[in-house]
Amino acid sequence: MLLQTAWYIPCLLIGVLIGLKAVRRLNEQRFKRFALGFILISGGWLLIQSLF
């Protein structure tokens, strides 16, 4: 499970960086909220997966 988590974190970071670039280009409040929500949900899911 630890190995899977170690592989998932860099992918998540790359996704966040791409998301931030997209947010800067679009600069829409709705998209920012959606991106933030998606990051929080995926982060919470990762935490749950690492606990169980």
PDB file of N, CA and C in Angstrom:
ATOM      1  N   MET A   1       0.840  -1.211   0.000  1.00  0.00           N
ATOM      2  CA  MET A   1       0.000   0.000   0.000  1.00  0.00           C
ATOM      3  C   MET A   1       0.873   1.259   0.000  1.00  0.00           C
ATOM      4  N   LEU A   2       1.971   1.209   0.743  1.00  0.00           N
ATOM      5  CA  LEU A   2       2.878   2.361   0.816  1.00  0.00           C
ATOM      6  C   LEU A   2       3.489   2.663  -0.555  1.00  0.00           C
ATOM      7  N   LEU A   3       3.832   1.604  -1.282  1.00  0.00           N
ATOM      8  CA  LEU A   3       4.408   1.764  -2.619  1.00  0.00           C
ATOM      9  C   LEU A   3       3.403   2.412  -3.572  1.00  0.00           C
ATOM     10  N   GLN A   4       2.140   1.988  -3.459  1.00  0.00           N
ATOM     11  CA  GLN A   4       1.073   2.561  -4.287  1.00  0.00           C
ATOM     12  C   GLN A   4       0.892   4.043  -3.965  1.00  0.00           C
ATOM     13  N   THR A   5       0.938   4.392  -2.687  1.00  0.00           N
ATOM     14  CA  THR A   5       0.804   5.785  -2.250  1.00  0.00           C
ATOM     15  C   THR A   5       1.973   6.622  -2.775  1.00  0.00           C
ATOM     16  N   ALA A   6       3.180   6.066  -2.702  1.00  0.00           N
ATOM     17  CA  ALA A   6       4.377   6.768  -3.179  1.00  0.00           C
ATOM     18  C   ALA A   6       4.296   7.044  -4.682  1.00  0.00           C
ATOM     19  N   TRP A   7       3.632   6.144  -5.422  1.00  0.00           N
ATOM     20  CA  TRP A   7       3.455   6.341  -6.865  1.00  0.00           C
ATOM     21  C   TRP A   7       2.364   7.364  -7.140  1.00  0.00           C
ATOM     22  N   TYR A   8       1.335   7.404  -6.258  1.00  0.00           N
ATOM     23  CA  TYR A   8       0.176   8.276  -6.476  1.00  0.00           C
ATOM     24  C   TYR A   8       0.494   9.745  -6.212  1.00  0.00           C
ATOM     25  N   ILE A   9       1.328  10.034  -5.220  1.00  0.00           N
ATOM     26  CA  ILE A   9       1.621  11.423  -4.829  1.00  0.00           C
ATOM     27  C   ILE A   9       2.236  12.243  -5.971  1.00  0.00           C
ATOM     28  N   PRO A  10       3.280  11.772  -6.672  1.00  0.00           N
ATOM     29  CA  PRO A  10       3.811  12.569  -7.796  1.00  0.00           C
ATOM     30  C   PRO A  10       2.776  12.827  -8.887  1.00  0.00           C
ATOM     31  N   CYS A  11       1.923  11.834  -9.152  1.00  0.00           N
ATOM     32  CA  CYS A  11       0.862  12.004 -10.154  1.00  0.00           C
ATOM     33  C   CYS A  11      -0.114  13.086  -9.712  1.00  0.00           C
ATOM     34  N   LEU A  12      -0.449  13.090  -8.416  1.00  0.00           N
ATOM     35  CA  LEU A  12      -1.350  14.101  -7.871  1.00  0.00           C
ATOM     36  C   LEU A  12      -0.707  15.486  -7.975  1.00  0.00           C
ATOM     37  N   LEU A  13       0.582  15.594  -7.659  1.00  0.00           N
ATOM     38  CA  LEU A  13       1.288  16.878  -7.743  1.00  0.00           C
ATOM     39  C   LEU A  13       1.318  17.403  -9.175  1.00  0.00           C
ATOM     40  N   ILE A  14       1.570  16.518 -10.136  1.00  0.00           N
ATOM     41  CA  ILE A  14       1.563  16.913 -11.549  1.00  0.00           C
ATOM     42  C   ILE A  14       0.180  17.404 -11.954  1.00  0.00           C
ATOM     43  N   GLY A  15      -0.853  16.678 -11.502  1.00  0.00           N
ATOM     44  CA  GLY A  15      -2.231  17.080 -11.771  1.00  0.00           C
ATOM     45  C   GLY A  15      -2.555  18.442 -11.191  1.00  0.00           C
ATOM     46  N   VAL A  16      -2.063  18.694  -9.968  1.00  0.00           N
ATOM     47  CA  VAL A  16      -2.279  19.990  -9.313  1.00  0.00           C
ATOM     48  C   VAL A  16      -1.594  21.108 -10.099  1.00  0.00           C
ATOM     49  N   LEU A  17      -0.363  20.885 -10.545  1.00  0.00           N
ATOM     50  CA  LEU A  17       0.368  21.895 -11.321  1.00  0.00           C
ATOM     51  C   LEU A  17      -0.343  22.216 -12.632  1.00  0.00           C
ATOM     52  N   ILE A  18      -0.815  21.187 -13.324  1.00  0.00           N
ATOM     53  CA  ILE A  18      -1.567  21.387 -14.569  1.00  0.00           C
ATOM     54  C   ILE A  18      -2.856  22.151 -14.285  1.00  0.00           C
ATOM     55  N   GLY A  19      -3.527  21.773 -13.187  1.00  0.00           N
ATOM     56  CA  GLY A  19      -4.757  22.456 -12.772  1.00  0.00           C
ATOM     57  C   GLY A  19      -4.523  23.928 -12.475  1.00  0.00           C
ATOM     58  N   LEU A  20      -3.418  24.232 -11.786  1.00  0.00           N
ATOM     59  CA  LEU A  20      -3.101  25.627 -11.463  1.00  0.00           C
ATOM     60  C   LEU A  20      -2.838  26.448 -12.726  1.00  0.00           C
ATOM     61  N   LYS A  21      -2.140  25.864 -13.700  1.00  0.00           N
ATOM     62  CA  LYS A  21      -1.901  26.561 -14.972  1.00  0.00           C
ATOM     63  C   LYS A  21      -3.214  26.837 -15.694  1.00  0.00           C
ATOM     64  N   ALA A  22      -4.120  25.846 -15.669  1.00  0.00           N
ATOM     65  CA  ALA A  22      -5.436  26.007 -16.299  1.00  0.00           C
ATOM     66  C   ALA A  22      -6.239  27.097 -15.594  1.00  0.00           C
ATOM     67  N   VAL A  23      -6.160  27.142 -14.262  1.00  0.00           N
ATOM     68  CA  VAL A  23      -6.872  28.161 -13.481  1.00  0.00           C
ATOM     69  C   VAL A  23      -6.351  29.555 -13.827  1.00  0.00           C
ATOM     70  N   ARG A  24      -5.041  29.694 -13.963  1.00  0.00           N
ATOM     71  CA  ARG A  24      -4.456  31.000 -14.322  1.00  0.00           C
ATOM     72  C   ARG A  24      -4.937  31.463 -15.698  1.00  0.00           C
ATOM     73  N   ARG A  25      -5.054  30.528 -16.631  1.00  0.00           N
ATOM     74  CA  ARG A  25      -5.512  30.875 -17.986  1.00  0.00           C
ATOM     75  C   ARG A  25      -6.985  31.254 -17.989  1.00  0.00           C
ATOM     76  N   LEU A  26      -7.803  30.433 -17.349  1.00  0.00           N
ATOM     77  CA  LEU A  26      -9.252  30.668 -17.360  1.00  0.00           C
ATOM     78  C   LEU A  26      -9.637  31.784 -16.395  1.00  0.00           C
ATOM     79  N   ASN A  27      -9.068  31.714 -15.187  1.00  0.00           N
ATOM     80  CA  ASN A  27      -9.310  32.712 -14.141  1.00  0.00           C
ATOM     81  C   ASN A  27     -10.805  32.856 -13.833  1.00  0.00           C
ATOM     82  N   GLU A  28     -11.486  31.715 -13.742  1.00  0.00           N
ATOM     83  CA  GLU A  28     -12.911  31.699 -13.407  1.00  0.00           C
ATOM     84  C   GLU A  28     -13.098  31.191 -11.984  1.00  0.00           C
ATOM     85  N   GLN A  29     -13.978  31.843 -11.244  1.00  0.00           N
ATOM     86  CA  GLN A  29     -14.205  31.480  -9.848  1.00  0.00           C
ATOM     87  C   GLN A  29     -14.788  30.067  -9.716  1.00  0.00           C
ATOM     88  N   ARG A  30     -15.704  29.716 -10.604  1.00  0.00           N
ATOM     89  CA  ARG A  30     -16.321  28.388 -10.566  1.00  0.00           C
ATOM     90  C   ARG A  30     -15.285  27.298 -10.760  1.00  0.00           C
ATOM     91  N   PHE A  31     -14.397  27.510 -11.728  1.00  0.00           N
ATOM     92  CA  PHE A  31     -13.378  26.501 -12.011  1.00  0.00           C
ATOM     93  C   PHE A  31     -12.419  26.347 -10.836  1.00  0.00           C
ATOM     94  N   LYS A  32     -12.092  27.469 -10.188  1.00  0.00           N
ATOM     95  CA  LYS A  32     -11.222  27.422  -9.009  1.00  0.00           C
ATOM     96  C   LYS A  32     -11.860  26.596  -7.899  1.00  0.00           C
ATOM     97  N   ARG A  33     -13.146  26.806  -7.659  1.00  0.00           N
ATOM     98  CA  ARG A  33     -13.869  26.047  -6.627  1.00  0.00           C
ATOM     99  C   ARG A  33     -13.906  24.567  -6.977  1.00  0.00           C
ATOM    100  N   PHE A  34     -14.159  24.261  -8.254  1.00  0.00           N
ATOM    101  CA  PHE A  34     -14.200  22.870  -8.708  1.00  0.00           C
ATOM    102  C   PHE A  34     -12.839  22.194  -8.519  1.00  0.00           C
ATOM    103  N   ALA A  35     -11.766  22.892  -8.921  1.00  0.00           N
ATOM    104  CA  ALA A  35     -10.416  22.345  -8.798  1.00  0.00           C
ATOM    105  C   ALA A  35     -10.055  22.122  -7.330  1.00  0.00           C
ATOM    106  N   LEU A  36     -10.379  23.082  -6.478  1.00  0.00           N
ATOM    107  CA  LEU A  36     -10.099  22.966  -5.045  1.00  0.00           C
ATOM    108  C   LEU A  36     -10.866  21.793  -4.445  1.00  0.00           C
ATOM    109  N   GLY A  37     -12.132  21.676  -4.799  1.00  0.00           N
ATOM    110  CA  GLY A  37     -12.952  20.562  -4.324  1.00  0.00           C
ATOM    111  C   GLY A  37     -12.401  19.217  -4.775  1.00  0.00           C
ATOM    112  N   PHE A  38     -11.975  19.146  -6.028  1.00  0.00           N
ATOM    113  CA  PHE A  38     -11.420  17.903  -6.567  1.00  0.00           C
ATOM    114  C   PHE A  38     -10.141  17.505  -5.831  1.00  0.00           C
ATOM    115  N   ILE A  39      -9.265  18.480  -5.552  1.00  0.00           N
ATOM    116  CA  ILE A  39      -8.020  18.230  -4.822  1.00  0.00           C
ATOM    117  C   ILE A  39      -8.322  17.739  -3.405  1.00  0.00           C
ATOM    118  N   LEU A  40      -9.289  18.386  -2.741  1.00  0.00           N
ATOM    119  CA  LEU A  40      -9.662  17.986  -1.384  1.00  0.00           C
ATOM    120  C   LEU A  40     -10.257  16.579  -1.354  1.00  0.00           C
ATOM    121  N   ILE A  41     -11.137  16.272  -2.312  1.00  0.00           N
ATOM    122  CA  ILE A  41     -11.763  14.946  -2.383  1.00  0.00           C
ATOM    123  C   ILE A  41     -10.715  13.865  -2.660  1.00  0.00           C
ATOM    124  N   SER A  42      -9.840  14.101  -3.627  1.00  0.00           N
ATOM    125  CA  SER A  42      -8.812  13.113  -3.954  1.00  0.00           C
ATOM    126  C   SER A  42      -7.817  12.949  -2.802  1.00  0.00           C
ATOM    127  N   GLY A  43      -7.500  14.042  -2.118  1.00  0.00           N
ATOM    128  CA  GLY A  43      -6.625  13.980  -0.946  1.00  0.00           C
ATOM    129  C   GLY A  43      -7.263  13.196   0.194  1.00  0.00           C
ATOM    130  N   GLY A  44      -8.546  13.429   0.423  1.00  0.00           N
ATOM    131  CA  GLY A  44      -9.279  12.693   1.451  1.00  0.00           C
ATOM    132  C   GLY A  44      -9.370  11.213   1.119  1.00  0.00           C
ATOM    133  N   TRP A  45      -9.602  10.898  -0.162  1.00  0.00           N
ATOM    134  CA  TRP A  45      -9.662   9.507  -0.612  1.00  0.00           C
ATOM    135  C   TRP A  45      -8.322   8.817  -0.400  1.00  0.00           C
ATOM    136  N   LEU A  46      -7.238   9.512  -0.709  1.00  0.00           N
ATOM    137  CA  LEU A  46      -5.897   8.964  -0.515  1.00  0.00           C
ATOM    138  C   LEU A  46      -5.642   8.682   0.960  1.00  0.00           C
ATOM    139  N   LEU A  47      -6.071   9.587   1.835  1.00  0.00           N
ATOM    140  CA  LEU A  47      -5.912   9.410   3.283  1.00  0.00           C
ATOM    141  C   LEU A  47      -6.673   8.177   3.760  1.00  0.00           C
ATOM    142  N   ILE A  48      -7.909   8.017   3.306  1.00  0.00           N
ATOM    143  CA  ILE A  48      -8.728   6.850   3.670  1.00  0.00           C
ATOM    144  C   ILE A  48      -8.071   5.561   3.172  1.00  0.00           C
ATOM    145  N   GLN A  49      -7.575   5.574   1.941  1.00  0.00           N
ATOM    146  CA  GLN A  49      -6.922   4.397   1.367  1.00  0.00           C
ATOM    147  C   GLN A  49      -5.660   4.021   2.153  1.00  0.00           C
ATOM    148  N   SER A  50      -4.915   5.012   2.616  1.00  0.00           N
ATOM    149  CA  SER A  50      -3.681   4.741   3.356  1.00  0.00           C
ATOM    150  C   SER A  50      -3.967   4.212   4.765  1.00  0.00           C
ATOM    151  N   LEU A  51      -5.117   4.597   5.338  1.00  0.00           N
ATOM    152  CA  LEU A  51      -5.473   4.123   6.678  1.00  0.00           C
ATOM    153  C   LEU A  51      -5.957   2.677   6.667  1.00  0.00           C
ATOM    154  N   PHE A  52      -6.703   2.291   5.621  1.00  0.00           N
ATOM    155  CA  PHE A  52      -7.294   0.942   5.582  1.00  0.00           C
ATOM    156  C   PHE A  52      -6.580   0.025   4.591  1.00  0.00           C
TER     157      PHE A  52
END
